[in-house]
PDB file of N, CA and C in Angstrom:
ATOM      1  N   UNK A   1     191.503  80.490  19.318  1.00  0.00           N
ATOM      2  CA  UNK A   1     192.408  79.568  19.968  1.00  0.00           C
ATOM      3  C   UNK A   1     191.667  78.271  20.246  1.00  0.00           C
ATOM      4  N   UNK A   2     192.284  77.170  19.850  1.00  0.00           N
ATOM      5  CA  UNK A   2     191.743  75.845  20.114  1.00  0.00           C
ATOM      6  C   UNK A   2     192.783  75.077  20.931  1.00  0.00           C
ATOM      7  N   UNK A   3     192.381  74.615  22.098  1.00  0.00           N
ATOM      8  CA  UNK A   3     193.278  73.913  23.007  1.00  0.00           C
ATOM      9  C   UNK A   3     193.102  72.411  22.832  1.00  0.00           C
ATOM     10  N   UNK A   4     194.217  71.700  22.830  1.00  0.00           N
ATOM     11  CA  UNK A   4     194.204  70.240  22.729  1.00  0.00           C
ATOM     12  C   UNK A   4     194.899  69.660  23.955  1.00  0.00           C
ATOM     13  N   UNK A   5     194.355  68.573  24.484  1.00  0.00           N
ATOM     14  CA  UNK A   5     194.949  67.883  25.617  1.00  0.00           C
ATOM     15  C   UNK A   5     194.999  66.393  25.294  1.00  0.00           C
ATOM     16  N   UNK A   6     196.198  65.856  25.235  1.00  0.00           N
ATOM     17  CA  UNK A   6     196.395  64.443  24.889  1.00  0.00           C
ATOM     18  C   UNK A   6     196.520  63.615  26.168  1.00  0.00           C
ATOM     19  N   UNK A   7     195.468  62.910  26.512  1.00  0.00           N
ATOM     20  CA  UNK A   7     195.459  62.099  27.742  1.00  0.00           C
ATOM     21  C   UNK A   7     196.426  60.916  27.658  1.00  0.00           C
ATOM     22  N   UNK A   8     196.817  60.533  26.456  1.00  0.00           N
ATOM     23  CA  UNK A   8     197.779  59.434  26.289  1.00  0.00           C
ATOM     24  C   UNK A   8     199.186  59.861  26.726  1.00  0.00           C
ATOM     25  N   UNK A   9     199.460  61.155  26.634  1.00  0.00           N
ATOM     26  CA  UNK A   9     200.777  61.682  26.993  1.00  0.00           C
ATOM     27  C   UNK A   9     200.789  62.221  28.425  1.00  0.00           C
ATOM     28  N   UNK A  10     199.649  62.669  28.918  1.00  0.00           N
ATOM     29  CA  UNK A  10     199.529  63.291  30.240  1.00  0.00           C
ATOM     30  C   UNK A  10     200.065  62.369  31.331  1.00  0.00           C
ATOM     31  N   UNK A  11     200.784  62.972  32.289  1.00  0.00           N
ATOM     32  CA  UNK A  11     201.295  62.214  33.433  1.00  0.00           C
ATOM     33  C   UNK A  11     200.597  62.599  34.741  1.00  0.00           C
ATOM     34  N   UNK A  12     199.617  63.495  34.655  1.00  0.00           N
ATOM     35  CA  UNK A  12     198.826  63.864  35.827  1.00  0.00           C
ATOM     36  C   UNK A  12     199.518  64.794  36.803  1.00  0.00           C
ATOM     37  N   UNK A  13     200.454  65.600  36.335  1.00  0.00           N
ATOM     38  CA  UNK A  13     201.185  66.510  37.224  1.00  0.00           C
ATOM     39  C   UNK A  13     200.287  67.619  37.778  1.00  0.00           C
ATOM     40  N   UNK A  14     199.268  68.013  37.032  1.00  0.00           N
ATOM     41  CA  UNK A  14     198.318  69.007  37.516  1.00  0.00           C
ATOM     42  C   UNK A  14     198.726  70.457  37.333  1.00  0.00           C
ATOM     43  N   UNK A  15     199.817  70.710  36.658  1.00  0.00           N
ATOM     44  CA  UNK A  15     200.256  72.094  36.453  1.00  0.00           C
ATOM     45  C   UNK A  15     199.222  72.890  35.654  1.00  0.00           C
ATOM     46  N   UNK A  16     198.558  72.247  34.732  1.00  0.00           N
ATOM     47  CA  UNK A  16     197.551  72.933  33.924  1.00  0.00           C
ATOM     48  C   UNK A  16     196.394  73.413  34.791  1.00  0.00           C
ATOM     49  N   UNK A  17     195.976  72.587  35.724  1.00  0.00           N
ATOM     50  CA  UNK A  17     194.860  72.937  36.606  1.00  0.00           C
ATOM     51  C   UNK A  17     195.245  74.100  37.509  1.00  0.00           C
ATOM     52  N   UNK A  18     196.461  74.088  37.995  1.00  0.00           N
ATOM     53  CA  UNK A  18     196.930  75.179  38.845  1.00  0.00           C
ATOM     54  C   UNK A  18     197.061  76.484  38.062  1.00  0.00           C
ATOM     55  N   UNK A  19     197.409  76.386  36.798  1.00  0.00           N
ATOM     56  CA  UNK A  19     197.654  77.561  35.968  1.00  0.00           C
ATOM     57  C   UNK A  19     196.389  78.117  35.329  1.00  0.00           C
ATOM     58  N   UNK A  20     195.499  77.259  34.874  1.00  0.00           N
ATOM     59  CA  UNK A  20     194.270  77.697  34.191  1.00  0.00           C
ATOM     60  C   UNK A  20     193.092  76.812  34.626  1.00  0.00           C
ATOM     61  N   UNK A  21     192.625  76.982  35.852  1.00  0.00           N
ATOM     62  CA  UNK A  21     191.577  76.093  36.387  1.00  0.00           C
ATOM     63  C   UNK A  21     190.223  76.211  35.695  1.00  0.00           C
ATOM     64  N   UNK A  22     189.987  77.284  34.962  1.00  0.00           N
ATOM     65  CA  UNK A  22     188.723  77.414  34.237  1.00  0.00           C
ATOM     66  C   UNK A  22     188.731  76.615  32.937  1.00  0.00           C
ATOM     67  N   UNK A  23     189.924  76.203  32.513  1.00  0.00           N
ATOM     68  CA  UNK A  23     190.067  75.502  31.234  1.00  0.00           C
ATOM     69  C   UNK A  23     190.401  74.024  31.437  1.00  0.00           C
ATOM     70  N   UNK A  24     191.144  73.726  32.505  1.00  0.00           N
ATOM     71  CA  UNK A  24     191.603  72.353  32.741  1.00  0.00           C
ATOM     72  C   UNK A  24     191.163  71.843  34.107  1.00  0.00           C
ATOM     73  N   UNK A  25     190.988  70.535  34.184  1.00  0.00           N
ATOM     74  CA  UNK A  25     190.721  69.852  35.449  1.00  0.00           C
ATOM     75  C   UNK A  25     191.434  68.507  35.380  1.00  0.00           C
ATOM     76  N   UNK A  26     191.381  67.770  36.469  1.00  0.00           N
ATOM     77  CA  UNK A  26     191.965  66.425  36.499  1.00  0.00           C
ATOM     78  C   UNK A  26     190.879  65.426  36.826  1.00  0.00           C
ATOM     79  N   UNK A  27     190.936  64.303  36.166  1.00  0.00           N
ATOM     80  CA  UNK A  27     189.985  63.236  36.402  1.00  0.00           C
ATOM     81  C   UNK A  27     190.171  62.668  37.804  1.00  0.00           C
ATOM     82  N   UNK A  28     189.077  62.478  38.522  1.00  0.00           N
ATOM     83  CA  UNK A  28     189.155  61.856  39.843  1.00  0.00           C
ATOM     84  C   UNK A  28     189.528  60.386  39.708  1.00  0.00           C
ATOM     85  N   UNK A  29     189.219  59.807  38.567  1.00  0.00           N
ATOM     86  CA  UNK A  29     189.472  58.384  38.337  1.00  0.00           C
ATOM     87  C   UNK A  29     190.952  58.067  38.152  1.00  0.00           C
ATOM     88  N   UNK A  30     191.616  58.821  37.250  1.00  0.00           N
ATOM     89  CA  UNK A  30     193.017  58.497  36.949  1.00  0.00           C
ATOM     90  C   UNK A  30     193.985  59.671  37.095  1.00  0.00           C
ATOM     91  N   UNK A  31     193.466  60.855  37.440  1.00  0.00           N
ATOM     92  CA  UNK A  31     194.329  62.011  37.648  1.00  0.00           C
ATOM     93  C   UNK A  31     194.802  62.702  36.379  1.00  0.00           C
ATOM     94  N   UNK A  32     194.356  62.219  35.229  1.00  0.00           N
ATOM     95  CA  UNK A  32     194.801  62.797  33.970  1.00  0.00           C
ATOM     96  C   UNK A  32     193.969  64.026  33.605  1.00  0.00           C
ATOM     97  N   UNK A  33     194.504  64.812  32.708  1.00  0.00           N
ATOM     98  CA  UNK A  33     193.883  66.071  32.313  1.00  0.00           C
ATOM     99  C   UNK A  33     192.486  65.880  31.735  1.00  0.00           C
ATOM    100  N   UNK A  34     191.612  66.814  32.093  1.00  0.00           N
ATOM    101  CA  UNK A  34     190.288  66.924  31.489  1.00  0.00           C
ATOM    102  C   UNK A  34     190.200  68.324  30.923  1.00  0.00           C
ATOM    103  N   UNK A  35     189.832  68.434  29.692  1.00  0.00           N
ATOM    104  CA  UNK A  35     189.712  69.727  29.032  1.00  0.00           C
ATOM    105  C   UNK A  35     188.285  70.230  29.224  1.00  0.00           C
ATOM    106  N   UNK A  36     188.135  71.279  30.018  1.00  0.00           N
ATOM    107  CA  UNK A  36     186.816  71.824  30.312  1.00  0.00           C
ATOM    108  C   UNK A  36     186.319  72.759  29.222  1.00  0.00           C
ATOM    109  N   UNK A  37     187.254  73.467  28.591  1.00  0.00           N
ATOM    110  CA  UNK A  37     186.874  74.462  27.587  1.00  0.00           C
ATOM    111  C   UNK A  37     187.895  74.458  26.451  1.00  0.00           C
ATOM    112  N   UNK A  38     187.621  73.741  25.360  1.00  0.00           N
ATOM    113  CA  UNK A  38     188.589  73.664  24.262  1.00  0.00           C
ATOM    114  C   UNK A  38     188.750  74.970  23.486  1.00  0.00           C
ATOM    115  N   UNK A  39     187.804  75.902  23.658  1.00  0.00           N
ATOM    116  CA  UNK A  39     187.895  77.208  22.994  1.00  0.00           C
ATOM    117  C   UNK A  39     187.711  78.311  24.038  1.00  0.00           C
ATOM    118  N   UNK A  40     188.715  78.507  24.889  1.00  0.00           N
ATOM    119  CA  UNK A  40     188.584  79.487  25.970  1.00  0.00           C
ATOM    120  C   UNK A  40     188.520  80.925  25.455  1.00  0.00           C
ATOM    121  N   UNK A  41     188.028  81.784  26.308  1.00  0.00           N
ATOM    122  CA  UNK A  41     187.890  83.198  25.962  1.00  0.00           C
ATOM    123  C   UNK A  41     189.264  83.858  25.840  1.00  0.00           C
ATOM    124  N   UNK A  42     189.273  85.019  25.231  1.00  0.00           N
ATOM    125  CA  UNK A  42     190.512  85.779  25.080  1.00  0.00           C
ATOM    126  C   UNK A  42     191.096  86.130  26.448  1.00  0.00           C
ATOM    127  N   UNK A  43     190.245  86.299  27.441  1.00  0.00           N
ATOM    128  CA  UNK A  43     190.709  86.626  28.786  1.00  0.00           C
ATOM    129  C   UNK A  43     191.543  85.489  29.393  1.00  0.00           C
ATOM    130  N   UNK A  44     191.299  84.263  28.977  1.00  0.00           N
ATOM    131  CA  UNK A  44     192.025  83.110  29.505  1.00  0.00           C
ATOM    132  C   UNK A  44     193.266  82.770  28.688  1.00  0.00           C
ATOM    133  N   UNK A  45     193.485  83.469  27.590  1.00  0.00           N
ATOM    134  CA  UNK A  45     194.559  83.107  26.669  1.00  0.00           C
ATOM    135  C   UNK A  45     195.942  83.075  27.324  1.00  0.00           C
ATOM    136  N   UNK A  46     196.284  84.068  28.100  1.00  0.00           N
ATOM    137  CA  UNK A  46     197.616  84.108  28.727  1.00  0.00           C
ATOM    138  C   UNK A  46     197.812  82.923  29.667  1.00  0.00           C
ATOM    139  N   UNK A  47     196.792  82.598  30.455  1.00  0.00           N
ATOM    140  CA  UNK A  47     196.900  81.473  31.389  1.00  0.00           C
ATOM    141  C   UNK A  47     197.015  80.150  30.641  1.00  0.00           C
ATOM    142  N   UNK A  48     196.269  80.004  29.561  1.00  0.00           N
ATOM    143  CA  UNK A  48     196.329  78.776  28.775  1.00  0.00           C
ATOM    144  C   UNK A  48     197.707  78.619  28.138  1.00  0.00           C
ATOM    145  N   UNK A  49     198.232  79.688  27.578  1.00  0.00           N
ATOM    146  CA  UNK A  49     199.574  79.621  26.977  1.00  0.00           C
ATOM    147  C   UNK A  49     200.617  79.252  28.025  1.00  0.00           C
ATOM    148  N   UNK A  50     200.480  79.778  29.215  1.00  0.00           N
ATOM    149  CA  UNK A  50     201.402  79.445  30.303  1.00  0.00           C
ATOM    150  C   UNK A  50     201.254  77.968  30.687  1.00  0.00           C
ATOM    151  N   UNK A  51     200.025  77.476  30.749  1.00  0.00           N
ATOM    152  CA  UNK A  51     199.793  76.067  31.087  1.00  0.00           C
ATOM    153  C   UNK A  51     200.451  75.151  30.064  1.00  0.00           C
ATOM    154  N   UNK A  52     200.370  75.519  28.796  1.00  0.00           N
ATOM    155  CA  UNK A  52     201.016  74.725  27.740  1.00  0.00           C
ATOM    156  C   UNK A  52     202.534  74.723  27.955  1.00  0.00           C
ATOM    157  N   UNK A  53     203.084  75.857  28.325  1.00  0.00           N
ATOM    158  CA  UNK A  53     204.531  75.963  28.535  1.00  0.00           C
ATOM    159  C   UNK A  53     205.013  75.141  29.727  1.00  0.00           C
ATOM    160  N   UNK A  54     204.224  75.107  30.801  1.00  0.00           N
ATOM    161  CA  UNK A  54     204.683  74.445  32.029  1.00  0.00           C
ATOM    162  C   UNK A  54     204.318  72.968  32.107  1.00  0.00           C
ATOM    163  N   UNK A  55     203.548  72.476  31.150  1.00  0.00           N
ATOM    164  CA  UNK A  55     203.170  71.059  31.170  1.00  0.00           C
ATOM    165  C   UNK A  55     204.419  70.193  31.019  1.00  0.00           C
ATOM    166  N   UNK A  56     204.754  69.398  32.037  1.00  0.00           N
ATOM    167  CA  UNK A  56     205.997  68.624  31.979  1.00  0.00           C
ATOM    168  C   UNK A  56     206.007  67.485  30.954  1.00  0.00           C
ATOM    169  N   UNK A  57     204.832  67.029  30.543  1.00  0.00           N
ATOM    170  CA  UNK A  57     204.790  65.921  29.594  1.00  0.00           C
ATOM    171  C   UNK A  57     204.585  66.369  28.144  1.00  0.00           C
ATOM    172  N   UNK A  58     204.232  67.641  27.959  1.00  0.00           N
ATOM    173  CA  UNK A  58     203.954  68.119  26.608  1.00  0.00           C
ATOM    174  C   UNK A  58     202.602  67.662  26.084  1.00  0.00           C
ATOM    175  N   UNK A  59     201.689  67.356  26.982  1.00  0.00           N
ATOM    176  CA  UNK A  59     200.371  66.853  26.584  1.00  0.00           C
ATOM    177  C   UNK A  59     199.439  67.933  26.058  1.00  0.00           C
ATOM    178  N   UNK A  60     199.782  69.194  26.278  1.00  0.00           N
ATOM    179  CA  UNK A  60     198.913  70.298  25.877  1.00  0.00           C
ATOM    180  C   UNK A  60     199.459  71.008  24.658  1.00  0.00           C
ATOM    181  N   UNK A  61     198.547  71.467  23.810  1.00  0.00           N
ATOM    182  CA  UNK A  61     198.941  72.236  22.642  1.00  0.00           C
ATOM    183  C   UNK A  61     197.833  73.193  22.269  1.00  0.00           C
ATOM    184  N   UNK A  62     198.189  74.179  21.472  1.00  0.00           N
ATOM    185  CA  UNK A  62     197.249  75.176  20.983  1.00  0.00           C
ATOM    186  C   UNK A  62     197.321  75.178  19.456  1.00  0.00           C
ATOM    187  N   UNK A  63     196.149  75.209  18.834  1.00  0.00           N
ATOM    188  CA  UNK A  63     196.129  75.312  17.373  1.00  0.00           C
ATOM    189  C   UNK A  63     195.214  76.433  16.957  1.00  0.00           C
TER     190      UNK A  63
END
């Protein structure tokens, strides 16, 4: 699993951080998504998939 986070689309809602805090964070500077782990472990897969689903801007994707 490879996670992608598009900061150009991100609106800083923070749902990803709440859903998968080991994979996502928010920049203190602008509040936009920071991808901490683009290739998370299998144990984090369910949380990452949920974060992609709940992202209101569609900034997250999995390939």
